[in-house]
Amino acid sequence: MVLILLATAALQAQERRRSLGPYTMYEQIVYQAKQERLMTWLSHDMNHGRATGTRDAARVARYIETHFKQYGLEPFCAGSFYQPFLADSASGTVGRNVIGIVPSAVPSDEYVLITAHYDHLGVLDGNIYNGADDNASGVTVLLNLADMFGTMKKTRTGPDKNIIFAALDAKELNMAGSKHFVNHLIIGKDSIICAINIDQIGTVIEPVHEADTSFVIVLGEQTLRRQDRGLIDMCNRYYNIGLDIDHTFYGSENFTRLFYQLSDQIVFHEAGIPALVFTSGFHRHTYKTTDDPDIISYPVMKKRTLLIFYLTMML
């Protein structure tokens, strides 16, 4: 009986994957007016750069929690969406991760973790660092994905595995949020088949190839399970997303290794979890006061969102 149930679940999963194609209802959940609304709110002056431990960061955390609830996510941490932690012992700064989960439609002991840090530099020398690309863009994509998978759960069409959505705090404080998350996991690390980190994913300022601004940089594919390697490019082709994908950091082995270590994916990788980072790279506005929503390319950011969506489905 158990074998029959497992075989049936596998067939249902395959059928759902076959039915997912371009222009499905899930793709329509991501549209520019919605992206702009999320992005504009997250990177607004009123949030004063979202520095960890501030009232502004707490306001942003509540905003993310509200959307998680709206999309039908369930709390991941003992009945709460919040996971507080000590971000900096010297100053006593307390951060909080915001974590929700979309449970699988059929029994599964596999998890995909999707993360994006929501903190930024705050106010320095009287100047607000709004961090639109870094990393309101990543949080915008994370929220769109949460809506897509939440809708899938509501309509009982998936997902085939458990999807954890973690808006991480204190990346700018030595990645304290992701370190706390990994050190206090309530599931086994081996059950997380992939951690997908999204960091600076909204611009087309520094394309991989000058002639194609529809691009994305994806690092860490070699950390995936052997059977999952190649899925990123396959999804891009099969679902006609049309992104120029670079699996290096602009062709440099040294910079690829260095960049992979600069955000939360390195914490997951060092914990033994297969980990990817999706990014559009550094540019002249990175860590500048000019990192505002007017530098964001919403059509390309949607393509990047869809690539992560289909990859998550196929893992």
Protein backbone atom coordinates (compact mmCIF):
# COMPACT_ATOMS: atom_id res chain seq x y z
CA MET A 1 0.00 0.00 0.00
CA VAL A 2 2.82 2.40 0.89
CA LEU A 3 4.56 1.69 -2.43
CA ILE A 4 1.32 2.31 -4.32
CA LEU A 5 0.81 5.64 -2.57
CA LEU A 6 4.37 6.72 -3.29
CA ALA A 7 4.05 5.70 -6.95
CA THR A 8 0.78 7.63 -7.25
CA ALA A 9 2.34 10.71 -5.67
CA ALA A 10 5.27 10.47 -8.09
CA LEU A 11 2.94 10.25 -11.09
CA GLN A 12 0.95 13.22 -9.82
CA ALA A 13 4.17 15.20 -9.47
CA GLN A 14 5.22 14.34 -13.02
CA GLU A 15 1.81 15.34 -14.37
CA ARG A 16 1.96 18.69 -12.57
CA ARG A 17 5.39 19.34 -13.99
CA ARG A 18 4.21 18.50 -17.52
CA SER A 19 1.28 20.89 -17.11
CA LEU A 20 3.56 23.77 -16.13
CA GLY A 21 4.40 25.77 -19.20
CA PRO A 22 4.78 29.36 -20.31
CA TYR A 23 1.88 31.67 -19.56
CA THR A 24 0.42 29.55 -16.80
CA MET A 25 -1.66 31.13 -14.06
CA TYR A 26 1.40 31.21 -11.83
CA GLU A 27 3.34 33.42 -14.21
CA GLN A 28 0.50 35.93 -14.17
CA ILE A 29 0.92 36.38 -10.42
CA VAL A 30 4.10 38.34 -11.18
CA TYR A 31 3.35 41.68 -12.84
CA GLN A 32 5.06 45.05 -12.89
CA ALA A 33 2.57 47.09 -10.85
CA LYS A 34 2.84 44.55 -8.03
CA GLN A 35 6.63 44.44 -8.25
CA GLU A 36 6.80 48.23 -8.14
CA ARG A 37 4.46 48.42 -5.15
CA LEU A 38 6.57 45.99 -3.12
CA MET A 39 9.86 47.51 -4.21
CA THR A 40 8.76 51.09 -3.57
CA TRP A 41 7.52 50.31 -0.07
CA LEU A 42 10.57 48.29 0.94
CA SER A 43 13.07 50.91 -0.27
CA HIS A 44 11.11 54.01 0.76
CA ASP A 45 12.82 56.77 2.77
CA MET A 46 10.41 56.09 5.64
CA ASN A 47 12.24 52.79 6.31
CA HIS A 48 15.56 54.60 6.70
CA GLY A 49 17.63 51.90 5.04
CA ARG A 50 16.34 48.95 7.10
CA ALA A 51 19.31 48.70 9.47
CA THR A 52 19.19 45.67 11.76
CA GLY A 53 17.83 46.36 15.24
CA THR A 54 15.95 49.54 14.33
CA ARG A 55 12.22 50.29 14.47
CA ASP A 56 12.37 50.59 10.71
CA ALA A 57 13.65 47.03 10.33
CA ALA A 58 10.88 45.85 12.66
CA ARG A 59 8.33 47.65 10.46
CA VAL A 60 9.69 45.89 7.38
CA ALA A 61 9.59 42.53 9.17
CA ARG A 62 5.90 43.09 9.96
CA TYR A 63 5.28 43.99 6.31
CA ILE A 64 6.84 40.72 5.19
CA GLU A 65 4.90 38.76 7.81
CA THR A 66 1.64 40.35 6.65
CA HIS A 67 2.29 39.25 3.09
CA PHE A 68 3.28 35.74 4.16
CA LYS A 69 -0.06 35.44 5.94
CA GLN A 70 -1.93 36.89 2.96
CA TYR A 71 -0.30 34.36 0.64
CA GLY A 72 -1.26 31.45 2.87
CA LEU A 73 2.15 30.57 4.31
CA GLU A 74 2.35 28.89 7.69
CA PRO A 75 4.74 29.90 10.50
CA PHE A 76 7.97 27.93 10.51
CA CYS A 77 9.23 28.66 14.02
CA ALA A 78 7.03 27.17 16.76
CA GLY A 79 3.87 29.00 15.77
CA SER A 80 5.61 32.28 14.90
CA PHE A 81 6.90 33.80 11.70
CA TYR A 82 9.65 35.52 13.69
CA GLN A 83 13.01 34.10 14.68
CA PRO A 84 14.79 36.66 16.90
CA PHE A 85 18.53 36.45 17.53
CA LEU A 86 21.44 38.44 18.89
CA ALA A 87 23.00 40.00 15.80
CA ASP A 88 25.88 41.80 17.51
CA SER A 89 26.96 41.01 21.06
CA ALA A 90 29.09 44.16 21.44
CA SER A 91 26.18 46.53 20.81
CA GLY A 92 23.39 44.21 21.93
CA THR A 93 21.69 44.57 18.54
CA VAL A 94 18.82 42.11 18.09
CA GLY A 95 17.72 40.98 14.66
CA ARG A 96 14.80 38.90 13.48
CA ASN A 97 14.40 36.52 10.59
CA VAL A 98 10.90 36.22 9.11
CA ILE A 99 10.23 32.62 8.07
CA GLY A 100 7.20 30.92 6.58
CA ILE A 101 6.56 27.63 4.87
CA VAL A 102 4.32 26.25 2.13
CA PRO A 103 3.92 22.56 3.03
CA SER A 104 3.94 20.04 0.21
CA ALA A 105 0.62 18.97 -1.29
CA VAL A 106 1.63 15.31 -0.94
CA PRO A 107 3.72 13.89 1.91
CA SER A 108 7.37 14.79 1.42
CA ASP A 109 10.47 14.89 3.59
CA GLU A 110 12.25 17.19 1.13
CA TYR A 111 12.57 20.95 1.51
CA VAL A 112 13.69 23.78 -0.73
CA LEU A 113 14.83 26.90 1.12
CA ILE A 114 14.40 30.29 -0.60
CA THR A 115 16.09 33.22 1.12
CA ALA A 116 16.73 36.95 0.69
CA HIS A 117 18.11 39.37 3.25
CA TYR A 118 15.95 42.41 3.96
CA ASP A 119 18.40 44.51 5.98
CA HIS A 120 20.64 47.21 4.54
CA LEU A 121 23.02 49.92 5.74
CA GLY A 122 20.48 52.26 7.34
CA VAL A 123 21.44 55.91 7.80
CA LEU A 124 25.13 56.89 7.64
CA ASP A 125 26.34 60.46 8.15
CA GLY A 126 22.76 61.67 7.77
CA ASN A 127 22.28 59.92 4.40
CA ILE A 128 19.66 57.21 3.85
CA TYR A 129 20.86 54.10 2.05
CA ASN A 130 17.59 52.71 0.69
CA GLY A 131 19.09 49.58 -0.88
CA ALA A 132 16.54 49.06 -3.65
CA ASP A 133 18.65 46.51 -5.50
CA ASP A 134 20.46 45.49 -2.29
CA ASN A 135 18.22 43.87 -1.32
CA ALA A 136 14.67 45.09 -1.68
CA SER A 137 14.86 43.45 -5.11
CA GLY A 138 15.58 40.06 -3.55
CA VAL A 139 12.74 40.44 -1.04
CA THR A 140 10.38 41.49 -3.84
CA VAL A 141 11.24 38.32 -5.75
CA LEU A 142 10.93 36.22 -2.58
CA LEU A 143 7.45 37.63 -1.90
CA ASN A 144 6.34 37.01 -5.48
CA LEU A 145 7.53 33.42 -5.22
CA ALA A 146 5.74 33.02 -1.89
CA ASP A 147 2.55 34.21 -3.58
CA MET A 148 3.04 31.79 -6.48
CA PHE A 149 3.60 28.74 -4.28
CA GLY A 150 0.97 29.86 -1.79
CA THR A 151 -1.54 30.03 -4.65
CA MET A 152 -0.44 26.60 -5.81
CA LYS A 153 -1.14 25.23 -2.33
CA LYS A 154 -4.53 26.97 -2.11
CA THR A 155 -5.60 25.52 -5.47
CA ARG A 156 -4.30 22.06 -4.50
CA THR A 157 -2.04 21.78 -7.51
CA GLY A 158 1.23 21.53 -5.57
CA PRO A 159 3.92 21.96 -4.54
CA ASP A 160 5.55 18.53 -4.55
CA LYS A 161 7.96 19.40 -1.74
CA ASN A 162 8.00 21.74 1.25
CA ILE A 163 9.08 25.30 0.40
CA ILE A 164 10.59 27.45 3.17
CA PHE A 165 10.70 31.21 2.63
CA ALA A 166 13.16 33.05 4.86
CA ALA A 167 13.57 36.83 4.83
CA LEU A 168 16.89 37.06 6.62
CA ASP A 169 18.11 39.89 8.82
CA ALA A 170 21.68 41.05 9.57
CA LYS A 171 23.40 40.00 6.38
CA GLU A 172 25.30 43.28 6.73
CA LEU A 173 26.38 42.19 10.22
CA ASN A 174 28.52 39.22 9.19
CA MET A 175 25.51 37.22 7.98
CA ALA A 176 24.29 36.74 11.55
CA GLY A 177 20.73 35.95 10.46
CA SER A 178 21.59 33.04 8.19
CA LYS A 179 24.08 31.70 10.74
CA HIS A 180 21.39 31.72 13.44
CA PHE A 181 18.93 30.04 11.08
CA VAL A 182 21.34 27.21 10.28
CA ASN A 183 22.39 26.75 13.90
CA HIS A 184 18.78 26.46 15.08
CA LEU A 185 17.20 24.37 12.34
CA ILE A 186 14.13 22.42 13.39
CA ILE A 187 14.54 20.03 10.46
CA GLY A 188 17.54 17.96 9.43
CA LYS A 189 20.05 19.70 7.18
CA ASP A 190 20.03 16.68 4.88
CA SER A 191 16.34 17.22 4.17
CA ILE A 192 17.06 20.59 2.50
CA ILE A 193 17.84 19.61 -1.07
CA CYS A 194 18.69 23.16 -2.09
CA ALA A 195 19.02 26.64 -0.61
CA ILE A 196 18.34 29.38 -3.15
CA ASN A 197 19.61 32.77 -2.04
CA ILE A 198 18.51 35.91 -3.89
CA ASP A 199 20.73 38.95 -3.51
CA GLN A 200 20.76 42.01 -5.78
CA ILE A 201 18.61 40.68 -8.61
CA GLY A 202 16.90 43.78 -10.00
CA THR A 203 19.26 45.55 -12.41
CA VAL A 204 20.62 45.20 -15.94
CA ILE A 205 23.43 47.70 -15.45
CA GLU A 206 26.32 45.23 -15.76
CA PRO A 207 25.22 42.53 -18.24
CA VAL A 208 27.31 39.43 -18.73
CA HIS A 209 27.43 40.17 -22.46
CA GLU A 210 26.91 43.76 -23.55
CA ALA A 211 24.44 42.84 -26.28
CA ASP A 212 22.03 41.03 -23.92
CA THR A 213 20.63 42.78 -20.85
CA SER A 214 18.25 39.88 -20.09
CA PHE A 215 20.78 38.08 -17.97
CA VAL A 216 21.30 36.50 -14.58
CA ILE A 217 24.34 35.21 -12.70
CA VAL A 218 23.81 31.88 -10.89
CA LEU A 219 26.63 30.54 -8.77
CA GLY A 220 26.91 27.28 -6.83
CA GLU A 221 25.47 24.77 -9.29
CA GLN A 222 28.38 22.41 -8.56
CA THR A 223 27.07 22.10 -4.96
CA LEU A 224 23.77 20.57 -6.12
CA ARG A 225 22.94 16.90 -6.15
CA ARG A 226 24.31 15.32 -9.30
CA GLN A 227 20.84 14.73 -10.74
CA ASP A 228 19.96 18.42 -10.28
CA ARG A 229 22.91 19.85 -12.17
CA GLY A 230 21.84 21.25 -15.52
CA LEU A 231 18.28 21.99 -14.39
CA ILE A 232 18.82 25.75 -14.33
CA ASP A 233 19.67 25.95 -18.04
CA MET A 234 17.06 23.34 -18.90
CA CYS A 235 14.31 25.37 -17.22
CA ASN A 236 15.48 28.50 -19.00
CA ARG A 237 15.20 26.78 -22.39
CA TYR A 238 12.14 24.59 -21.81
CA TYR A 239 9.98 27.36 -20.36
CA ASN A 240 11.17 29.94 -22.90
CA ILE A 241 12.38 32.37 -20.25
CA GLY A 242 15.17 33.64 -22.46
CA LEU A 243 17.81 34.66 -19.93
CA ASP A 244 21.53 34.82 -20.64
CA ILE A 245 22.81 32.72 -17.72
CA ASP A 246 26.38 32.97 -16.46
CA HIS A 247 27.55 30.32 -13.98
CA THR A 248 30.67 32.37 -13.24
CA PHE A 249 31.20 35.91 -12.05
CA TYR A 250 31.97 37.50 -15.40
CA GLY A 251 34.27 34.66 -16.40
CA SER A 252 36.71 35.01 -13.52
CA GLU A 253 37.39 31.92 -11.41
CA ASN A 254 38.82 34.00 -8.57
CA PHE A 255 35.96 36.51 -8.51
CA THR A 256 33.44 33.66 -8.76
CA ARG A 257 34.89 32.08 -5.63
CA LEU A 258 35.06 35.45 -3.85
CA PHE A 259 31.54 36.57 -4.74
CA TYR A 260 30.06 33.24 -3.63
CA GLN A 261 31.46 33.91 -0.16
CA LEU A 262 29.92 37.39 0.18
CA SER A 263 26.30 36.53 0.93
CA ASP A 264 24.17 34.09 2.88
CA GLN A 265 24.57 31.15 0.47
CA ILE A 266 28.07 30.53 1.84
CA VAL A 267 26.60 29.88 5.31
CA PHE A 268 24.30 27.20 3.93
CA HIS A 269 27.05 25.69 1.80
CA GLU A 270 29.44 25.46 4.74
CA ALA A 271 26.69 23.70 6.70
CA GLY A 272 26.57 21.00 4.01
CA ILE A 273 23.43 22.29 2.25
CA PRO A 274 23.51 22.61 -1.56
CA ALA A 275 23.32 26.36 -2.12
CA LEU A 276 22.81 28.71 -5.09
CA VAL A 277 22.88 32.48 -5.37
CA PHE A 278 20.89 34.34 -8.03
CA THR A 279 22.13 37.87 -8.69
CA SER A 280 22.57 40.59 -11.26
CA GLY A 281 25.93 41.48 -9.76
CA PHE A 282 27.60 44.62 -8.48
CA HIS A 283 27.24 48.00 -10.17
CA ARG A 284 28.01 51.67 -9.63
CA HIS A 285 25.05 52.09 -7.25
CA THR A 286 25.98 49.22 -4.91
CA TYR A 287 26.32 50.52 -1.33
CA LYS A 288 25.54 54.04 -2.58
CA THR A 289 22.70 56.41 -1.74
CA THR A 290 21.69 56.18 -5.41
CA ASP A 291 20.49 52.57 -5.00
CA ASP A 292 16.84 53.55 -5.52
CA PRO A 293 13.92 51.95 -7.41
CA ASP A 294 14.60 53.89 -10.62
CA ILE A 295 17.54 51.57 -11.39
CA ILE A 296 15.36 48.42 -11.33
CA SER A 297 14.37 46.57 -14.52
CA TYR A 298 11.03 44.98 -13.66
CA PRO A 299 10.58 42.94 -16.87
CA VAL A 300 13.96 41.23 -16.45
CA MET A 301 13.38 40.79 -12.72
CA LYS A 302 10.20 38.90 -13.61
CA LYS A 303 12.16 36.58 -15.89
CA ARG A 304 14.58 35.87 -13.06
CA THR A 305 11.63 35.19 -10.73
CA LEU A 306 10.15 32.69 -13.19
CA LEU A 307 13.47 30.89 -13.56
CA ILE A 308 13.66 30.39 -9.79
CA PHE A 309 10.02 29.28 -9.71
CA TYR A 310 10.45 26.58 -12.37
CA LEU A 311 13.78 25.45 -10.93
CA THR A 312 12.15 25.02 -7.52
CA MET A 313 9.41 22.94 -9.14
CA MET A 314 11.90 20.72 -10.93
CA LEU A 315 14.36 20.09 -8.10
